[in-house]
Amino acid sequence: MTAKKPVEKTNPFFPMLTKYNMDEVKIEDKGLERYINLDAENIHVGGIYSDKMFAKAKMPLVERLINNLMRTEQYTGKKTKAYKVVRSTFESIDKKTKTNPMQVLVDALQNAAPKEETTRLRFGGISVPKAVDVAPQRRLDIALRNICQGSVSASHKNKKSIEACLADEIIKASKNDVSSFAVAKKNDAERVAKSAR
């Protein structure tokens, strides 16, 4: 019988989160709480939840951030490259804010997650916008997507690196700053929904 190798040796993604204490991270939004997985040991699980409905809630939050970063042409299929970006981003957030980067990320997601959006209802030949509440899992998906889109578009044709842009986006969103791409998109969606009530 062979001895099990420690997680640090087998998983190249593990060392990033060992520096930060996950027990002190507080999630204030009760709707998002069950969908935010702060697991630090199972990063890069390799799509084991991809064919199960709603199973992405079990996926570690950091891995979901890495996967959302891979949506763009520069990082498509390059998970190790995206992982290095997120690791550098966390180190940068730690230096700038002197707080746990996971807490900053969770705060950013809570501030960037829209509570209302619009859908189209058809009455006869016309479609009418109608305000609807957003499901918690969709709220988290939208927030993650907007944070990554904002940072990638900010770094395009810019001297600032993607790491610096992602760190700025997360810090701004955690402070609920309207200059953040994700917070601005959330405000726009909620404003349109308010007018469609």
C-alpha atoms as a PDB file:
ATOM      1  CA  MET A   1       0.000   0.000   0.000  1.00  0.00           C
ATOM      2  CA  THR A   2       1.475   3.350  -1.035  1.00  0.00           C
ATOM      3  CA  ALA A   3       1.312   6.410   1.172  1.00  0.00           C
ATOM      4  CA  LYS A   4      -0.823   9.305  -0.017  1.00  0.00           C
ATOM      5  CA  LYS A   5       1.123  12.313  -1.250  1.00  0.00           C
ATOM      6  CA  PRO A   6       0.345  15.584   0.527  1.00  0.00           C
ATOM      7  CA  VAL A   7      -2.002  17.909  -1.378  1.00  0.00           C
ATOM      8  CA  GLU A   8       0.739  20.556  -1.832  1.00  0.00           C
ATOM      9  CA  LYS A   9       2.875  18.121  -3.879  1.00  0.00           C
ATOM     10  CA  THR A  10       0.106  16.803  -6.137  1.00  0.00           C
ATOM     11  CA  ASN A  11      -1.849  20.005  -6.770  1.00  0.00           C
ATOM     12  CA  PRO A  12       0.116  22.945  -8.245  1.00  0.00           C
ATOM     13  CA  PHE A  13      -2.828  25.252  -7.496  1.00  0.00           C
ATOM     14  CA  PHE A  14      -2.905  24.609  -3.738  1.00  0.00           C
ATOM     15  CA  PRO A  15      -0.202  26.969  -2.350  1.00  0.00           C
ATOM     16  CA  MET A  16      -2.048  30.151  -3.382  1.00  0.00           C
ATOM     17  CA  LEU A  17      -4.719  29.997  -0.687  1.00  0.00           C
ATOM     18  CA  THR A  18      -2.774  28.473   2.210  1.00  0.00           C
ATOM     19  CA  LYS A  19      -1.562  31.960   3.199  1.00  0.00           C
ATOM     20  CA  TYR A  20      -5.067  33.252   3.839  1.00  0.00           C
ATOM     21  CA  ASN A  21      -7.396  32.185   6.653  1.00  0.00           C
ATOM     22  CA  MET A  22     -10.768  31.181   5.188  1.00  0.00           C
ATOM     23  CA  ASP A  23     -12.440  30.945   8.608  1.00  0.00           C
ATOM     24  CA  GLU A  24     -12.386  34.723   9.068  1.00  0.00           C
ATOM     25  CA  VAL A  25     -14.163  35.425   5.739  1.00  0.00           C
ATOM     26  CA  LYS A  26     -17.688  36.724   6.405  1.00  0.00           C
ATOM     27  CA  ILE A  27     -20.511  36.468   3.851  1.00  0.00           C
ATOM     28  CA  GLU A  28     -23.213  39.010   4.718  1.00  0.00           C
ATOM     29  CA  ASP A  29     -25.553  38.280   1.797  1.00  0.00           C
ATOM     30  CA  LYS A  30     -27.590  35.278   2.981  1.00  0.00           C
ATOM     31  CA  GLY A  31     -28.856  34.567  -0.551  1.00  0.00           C
ATOM     32  CA  LEU A  32     -25.342  34.098  -1.933  1.00  0.00           C
ATOM     33  CA  GLU A  33     -23.976  32.281   1.127  1.00  0.00           C
ATOM     34  CA  ARG A  34     -24.823  28.734   0.020  1.00  0.00           C
ATOM     35  CA  TYR A  35     -23.346  29.316  -3.474  1.00  0.00           C
ATOM     36  CA  ILE A  36     -19.981  30.719  -2.317  1.00  0.00           C
ATOM     37  CA  ASN A  37     -17.599  27.820  -1.671  1.00  0.00           C
ATOM     38  CA  LEU A  38     -14.435  28.961   0.120  1.00  0.00           C
ATOM     39  CA  ASP A  39     -12.750  25.553  -0.178  1.00  0.00           C
ATOM     40  CA  ALA A  40      -8.996  26.005  -0.595  1.00  0.00           C
ATOM     41  CA  GLU A  41      -7.908  22.417  -1.206  1.00  0.00           C
ATOM     42  CA  ASN A  42      -9.792  21.413  -4.361  1.00  0.00           C
ATOM     43  CA  ILE A  43      -8.810  24.083  -6.860  1.00  0.00           C
ATOM     44  CA  HIS A  44      -8.527  22.802 -10.455  1.00  0.00           C
ATOM     45  CA  VAL A  45     -11.015  19.988  -9.993  1.00  0.00           C
ATOM     46  CA  GLY A  46     -11.182  19.465 -13.760  1.00  0.00           C
ATOM     47  CA  GLY A  47     -14.835  19.916 -14.691  1.00  0.00           C
ATOM     48  CA  ILE A  48     -16.290  17.181 -12.477  1.00  0.00           C
ATOM     49  CA  TYR A  49     -19.414  19.307 -11.952  1.00  0.00           C
ATOM     50  CA  SER A  50     -19.877  20.324 -15.601  1.00  0.00           C
ATOM     51  CA  ASP A  51     -22.643  17.826 -16.444  1.00  0.00           C
ATOM     52  CA  LYS A  52     -24.623  18.123 -13.193  1.00  0.00           C
ATOM     53  CA  MET A  53     -27.336  20.729 -12.836  1.00  0.00           C
ATOM     54  CA  PHE A  54     -26.608  23.427 -10.199  1.00  0.00           C
ATOM     55  CA  ALA A  55     -23.476  21.528  -9.073  1.00  0.00           C
ATOM     56  CA  LYS A  56     -21.188  24.482  -9.802  1.00  0.00           C
ATOM     57  CA  ALA A  57     -22.208  25.777  -6.361  1.00  0.00           C
ATOM     58  CA  LYS A  58     -19.848  23.110  -4.966  1.00  0.00           C
ATOM     59  CA  MET A  59     -16.974  24.472  -7.032  1.00  0.00           C
ATOM     60  CA  PRO A  60     -14.371  26.598  -5.179  1.00  0.00           C
ATOM     61  CA  LEU A  61     -14.908  30.333  -5.694  1.00  0.00           C
ATOM     62  CA  VAL A  62     -11.312  30.931  -6.784  1.00  0.00           C
ATOM     63  CA  GLU A  63     -11.565  28.267  -9.467  1.00  0.00           C
ATOM     64  CA  ARG A  64     -14.739  29.885 -10.788  1.00  0.00           C
ATOM     65  CA  LEU A  65     -12.855  33.200 -10.977  1.00  0.00           C
ATOM     66  CA  ILE A  66     -10.016  31.493 -12.890  1.00  0.00           C
ATOM     67  CA  ASN A  67     -12.496  29.823 -15.274  1.00  0.00           C
ATOM     68  CA  ASN A  68     -14.268  33.129 -15.950  1.00  0.00           C
ATOM     69  CA  LEU A  69     -10.925  34.712 -16.763  1.00  0.00           C
ATOM     70  CA  MET A  70     -10.446  32.038 -19.446  1.00  0.00           C
ATOM     71  CA  ARG A  71     -13.425  33.338 -21.462  1.00  0.00           C
ATOM     72  CA  THR A  72     -11.210  35.695 -23.484  1.00  0.00           C
ATOM     73  CA  GLU A  73      -9.038  34.805 -26.471  1.00  0.00           C
ATOM     74  CA  GLN A  74      -5.784  35.440 -24.595  1.00  0.00           C
ATOM     75  CA  TYR A  75      -6.509  32.895 -21.847  1.00  0.00           C
ATOM     76  CA  THR A  76      -8.783  30.371 -23.581  1.00  0.00           C
ATOM     77  CA  GLY A  77      -7.715  26.906 -22.447  1.00  0.00           C
ATOM     78  CA  LYS A  78      -4.709  28.293 -20.560  1.00  0.00           C
ATOM     79  CA  LYS A  79      -5.696  27.553 -16.984  1.00  0.00           C
ATOM     80  CA  THR A  80      -2.179  27.716 -15.545  1.00  0.00           C
ATOM     81  CA  LYS A  81      -1.706  31.164 -17.076  1.00  0.00           C
ATOM     82  CA  ALA A  82      -5.054  32.342 -15.668  1.00  0.00           C
ATOM     83  CA  TYR A  83      -4.147  30.806 -12.285  1.00  0.00           C
ATOM     84  CA  LYS A  84      -0.888  32.808 -12.191  1.00  0.00           C
ATOM     85  CA  VAL A  85      -2.845  35.997 -12.946  1.00  0.00           C
ATOM     86  CA  VAL A  86      -5.240  35.336 -10.051  1.00  0.00           C
ATOM     87  CA  ARG A  87      -2.362  34.462  -7.699  1.00  0.00           C
ATOM     88  CA  SER A  88      -0.557  37.730  -8.550  1.00  0.00           C
ATOM     89  CA  THR A  89      -3.859  39.597  -8.178  1.00  0.00           C
ATOM     90  CA  PHE A  90      -4.389  38.190  -4.682  1.00  0.00           C
ATOM     91  CA  GLU A  91      -0.843  39.171  -3.670  1.00  0.00           C
ATOM     92  CA  SER A  92      -1.446  42.681  -5.041  1.00  0.00           C
ATOM     93  CA  ILE A  93      -4.778  43.009  -3.170  1.00  0.00           C
ATOM     94  CA  ASP A  94      -3.062  41.813   0.020  1.00  0.00           C
ATOM     95  CA  LYS A  95      -0.377  44.528  -0.344  1.00  0.00           C
ATOM     96  CA  LYS A  96      -2.812  47.328  -1.228  1.00  0.00           C
ATOM     97  CA  THR A  97      -5.595  46.690   1.281  1.00  0.00           C
ATOM     98  CA  LYS A  98      -3.762  44.805   4.083  1.00  0.00           C
ATOM     99  CA  THR A  99      -6.833  42.547   4.396  1.00  0.00           C
ATOM    100  CA  ASN A 100      -7.623  38.979   3.409  1.00  0.00           C
ATOM    101  CA  PRO A 101      -7.995  38.959  -0.430  1.00  0.00           C
ATOM    102  CA  MET A 102     -10.776  36.362  -0.196  1.00  0.00           C
ATOM    103  CA  GLN A 103     -12.801  38.756   1.992  1.00  0.00           C
ATOM    104  CA  VAL A 104     -12.227  41.535  -0.566  1.00  0.00           C
ATOM    105  CA  LEU A 105     -13.359  39.193  -3.381  1.00  0.00           C
ATOM    106  CA  VAL A 106     -16.480  38.118  -1.465  1.00  0.00           C
ATOM    107  CA  ASP A 107     -17.361  41.775  -0.731  1.00  0.00           C
ATOM    108  CA  ALA A 108     -16.838  42.617  -4.413  1.00  0.00           C
ATOM    109  CA  LEU A 109     -19.170  39.805  -5.493  1.00  0.00           C
ATOM    110  CA  GLN A 110     -21.847  40.869  -2.991  1.00  0.00           C
ATOM    111  CA  ASN A 111     -21.707  44.458  -4.296  1.00  0.00           C
ATOM    112  CA  ALA A 112     -21.598  43.470  -7.994  1.00  0.00           C
ATOM    113  CA  ALA A 113     -24.439  40.932  -7.908  1.00  0.00           C
ATOM    114  CA  PRO A 114     -27.685  42.427  -9.307  1.00  0.00           C
ATOM    115  CA  LYS A 115     -30.878  41.788  -7.352  1.00  0.00           C
ATOM    116  CA  GLU A 116     -33.274  42.597 -10.219  1.00  0.00           C
ATOM    117  CA  GLU A 117     -33.226  42.374 -14.003  1.00  0.00           C
ATOM    118  CA  THR A 118     -35.716  42.470 -16.864  1.00  0.00           C
ATOM    119  CA  THR A 119     -37.268  39.795 -19.014  1.00  0.00           C
ATOM    120  CA  ARG A 120     -39.484  40.162 -22.101  1.00  0.00           C
ATOM    121  CA  LEU A 121     -43.120  39.105 -22.035  1.00  0.00           C
ATOM    122  CA  ARG A 122     -45.081  38.882 -25.294  1.00  0.00           C
ATOM    123  CA  PHE A 123     -48.654  40.143 -25.332  1.00  0.00           C
ATOM    124  CA  GLY A 124     -50.126  39.633 -28.788  1.00  0.00           C
ATOM    125  CA  GLY A 125     -47.637  41.158 -31.195  1.00  0.00           C
ATOM    126  CA  ILE A 126     -45.717  43.340 -28.755  1.00  0.00           C
ATOM    127  CA  SER A 127     -43.034  42.433 -26.215  1.00  0.00           C
ATOM    128  CA  VAL A 128     -43.150  44.214 -22.868  1.00  0.00           C
ATOM    129  CA  PRO A 129     -40.183  44.372 -20.436  1.00  0.00           C
ATOM    130  CA  LYS A 130     -40.990  43.060 -16.960  1.00  0.00           C
ATOM    131  CA  ALA A 131     -38.834  43.305 -13.826  1.00  0.00           C
ATOM    132  CA  VAL A 132     -37.961  39.985 -12.170  1.00  0.00           C
ATOM    133  CA  ASP A 133     -35.858  38.947  -9.169  1.00  0.00           C
ATOM    134  CA  VAL A 134     -32.547  37.278  -9.983  1.00  0.00           C
ATOM    135  CA  ALA A 135     -31.815  33.793  -8.627  1.00  0.00           C
ATOM    136  CA  PRO A 136     -28.831  33.730  -6.209  1.00  0.00           C
ATOM    137  CA  GLN A 137     -26.728  31.426  -8.400  1.00  0.00           C
ATOM    138  CA  ARG A 138     -27.294  33.656 -11.432  1.00  0.00           C
ATOM    139  CA  ARG A 139     -26.419  36.724  -9.325  1.00  0.00           C
ATOM    140  CA  LEU A 140     -23.041  35.169  -8.498  1.00  0.00           C
ATOM    141  CA  ASP A 141     -22.465  34.112 -12.132  1.00  0.00           C
ATOM    142  CA  ILE A 142     -23.187  37.639 -13.403  1.00  0.00           C
ATOM    143  CA  ALA A 143     -20.940  39.247 -10.776  1.00  0.00           C
ATOM    144  CA  LEU A 144     -18.001  36.935 -11.565  1.00  0.00           C
ATOM    145  CA  ARG A 145     -18.454  37.403 -15.317  1.00  0.00           C
ATOM    146  CA  ASN A 146     -18.644  41.208 -15.084  1.00  0.00           C
ATOM    147  CA  ILE A 147     -15.570  41.465 -12.824  1.00  0.00           C
ATOM    148  CA  CYS A 148     -13.517  39.401 -15.283  1.00  0.00           C
ATOM    149  CA  GLN A 149     -14.880  41.180 -18.380  1.00  0.00           C
ATOM    150  CA  GLY A 150     -14.176  44.578 -16.833  1.00  0.00           C
ATOM    151  CA  SER A 151     -10.588  43.700 -15.957  1.00  0.00           C
ATOM    152  CA  VAL A 152      -9.834  42.132 -19.358  1.00  0.00           C
ATOM    153  CA  SER A 153     -11.295  45.099 -21.270  1.00  0.00           C
ATOM    154  CA  ALA A 154      -9.400  47.551 -19.015  1.00  0.00           C
ATOM    155  CA  SER A 155      -6.091  45.801 -19.736  1.00  0.00           C
ATOM    156  CA  HIS A 156      -6.694  45.728 -23.533  1.00  0.00           C
ATOM    157  CA  LYS A 157      -4.375  48.196 -25.338  1.00  0.00           C
ATOM    158  CA  ASN A 158      -3.192  49.458 -21.961  1.00  0.00           C
ATOM    159  CA  LYS A 159       0.217  49.516 -20.282  1.00  0.00           C
ATOM    160  CA  LYS A 160      -1.327  48.153 -17.081  1.00  0.00           C
ATOM    161  CA  SER A 161      -1.073  44.395 -16.705  1.00  0.00           C
ATOM    162  CA  ILE A 162      -4.123  42.156 -16.376  1.00  0.00           C
ATOM    163  CA  GLU A 163      -3.106  41.442 -12.761  1.00  0.00           C
ATOM    164  CA  ALA A 164      -3.235  45.144 -11.846  1.00  0.00           C
ATOM    165  CA  CYS A 165      -6.530  45.648 -13.697  1.00  0.00           C
ATOM    166  CA  LEU A 166      -8.161  42.631 -12.003  1.00  0.00           C
ATOM    167  CA  ALA A 167      -6.928  43.778  -8.581  1.00  0.00           C
ATOM    168  CA  ASP A 168      -8.282  47.312  -9.216  1.00  0.00           C
ATOM    169  CA  GLU A 169     -11.636  45.938 -10.398  1.00  0.00           C
ATOM    170  CA  ILE A 170     -12.025  43.700  -7.328  1.00  0.00           C
ATOM    171  CA  ILE A 171     -10.991  46.453  -4.893  1.00  0.00           C
ATOM    172  CA  LYS A 172     -13.335  49.013  -6.514  1.00  0.00           C
ATOM    173  CA  ALA A 173     -16.233  46.545  -6.517  1.00  0.00           C
ATOM    174  CA  SER A 174     -15.600  45.682  -2.852  1.00  0.00           C
ATOM    175  CA  LYS A 175     -15.913  49.384  -2.003  1.00  0.00           C
ATOM    176  CA  ASN A 176     -19.086  49.641  -4.146  1.00  0.00           C
ATOM    177  CA  ASP A 177     -17.350  52.254  -6.311  1.00  0.00           C
ATOM    178  CA  VAL A 178     -19.389  53.234  -9.405  1.00  0.00           C
ATOM    179  CA  SER A 179     -16.204  53.463 -11.496  1.00  0.00           C
ATOM    180  CA  SER A 180     -16.020  49.646 -11.264  1.00  0.00           C
ATOM    181  CA  PHE A 181     -17.277  47.953 -14.461  1.00  0.00           C
ATOM    182  CA  ALA A 182     -19.196  45.262 -12.539  1.00  0.00           C
ATOM    183  CA  VAL A 183     -20.912  47.704 -10.154  1.00  0.00           C
ATOM    184  CA  ALA A 184     -21.825  50.012 -13.069  1.00  0.00           C
ATOM    185  CA  LYS A 185     -23.375  47.082 -14.979  1.00  0.00           C
ATOM    186  CA  LYS A 186     -25.326  46.045 -11.872  1.00  0.00           C
ATOM    187  CA  ASN A 187     -26.625  49.601 -11.385  1.00  0.00           C
ATOM    188  CA  ASP A 188     -27.672  49.781 -15.056  1.00  0.00           C
ATOM    189  CA  ALA A 189     -29.544  46.460 -14.852  1.00  0.00           C
ATOM    190  CA  GLU A 190     -31.334  47.472 -11.652  1.00  0.00           C
ATOM    191  CA  ARG A 191     -32.220  50.923 -13.058  1.00  0.00           C
ATOM    192  CA  VAL A 192     -33.775  49.351 -16.179  1.00  0.00           C
ATOM    193  CA  ALA A 193     -35.643  46.837 -13.992  1.00  0.00           C
ATOM    194  CA  LYS A 194     -36.952  49.628 -11.753  1.00  0.00           C
ATOM    195  CA  SER A 195     -38.399  51.440 -14.760  1.00  0.00           C
ATOM    196  CA  ALA A 196     -40.004  48.176 -15.992  1.00  0.00           C
ATOM    197  CA  ARG A 197     -41.873  47.430 -12.743  1.00  0.00           C
END
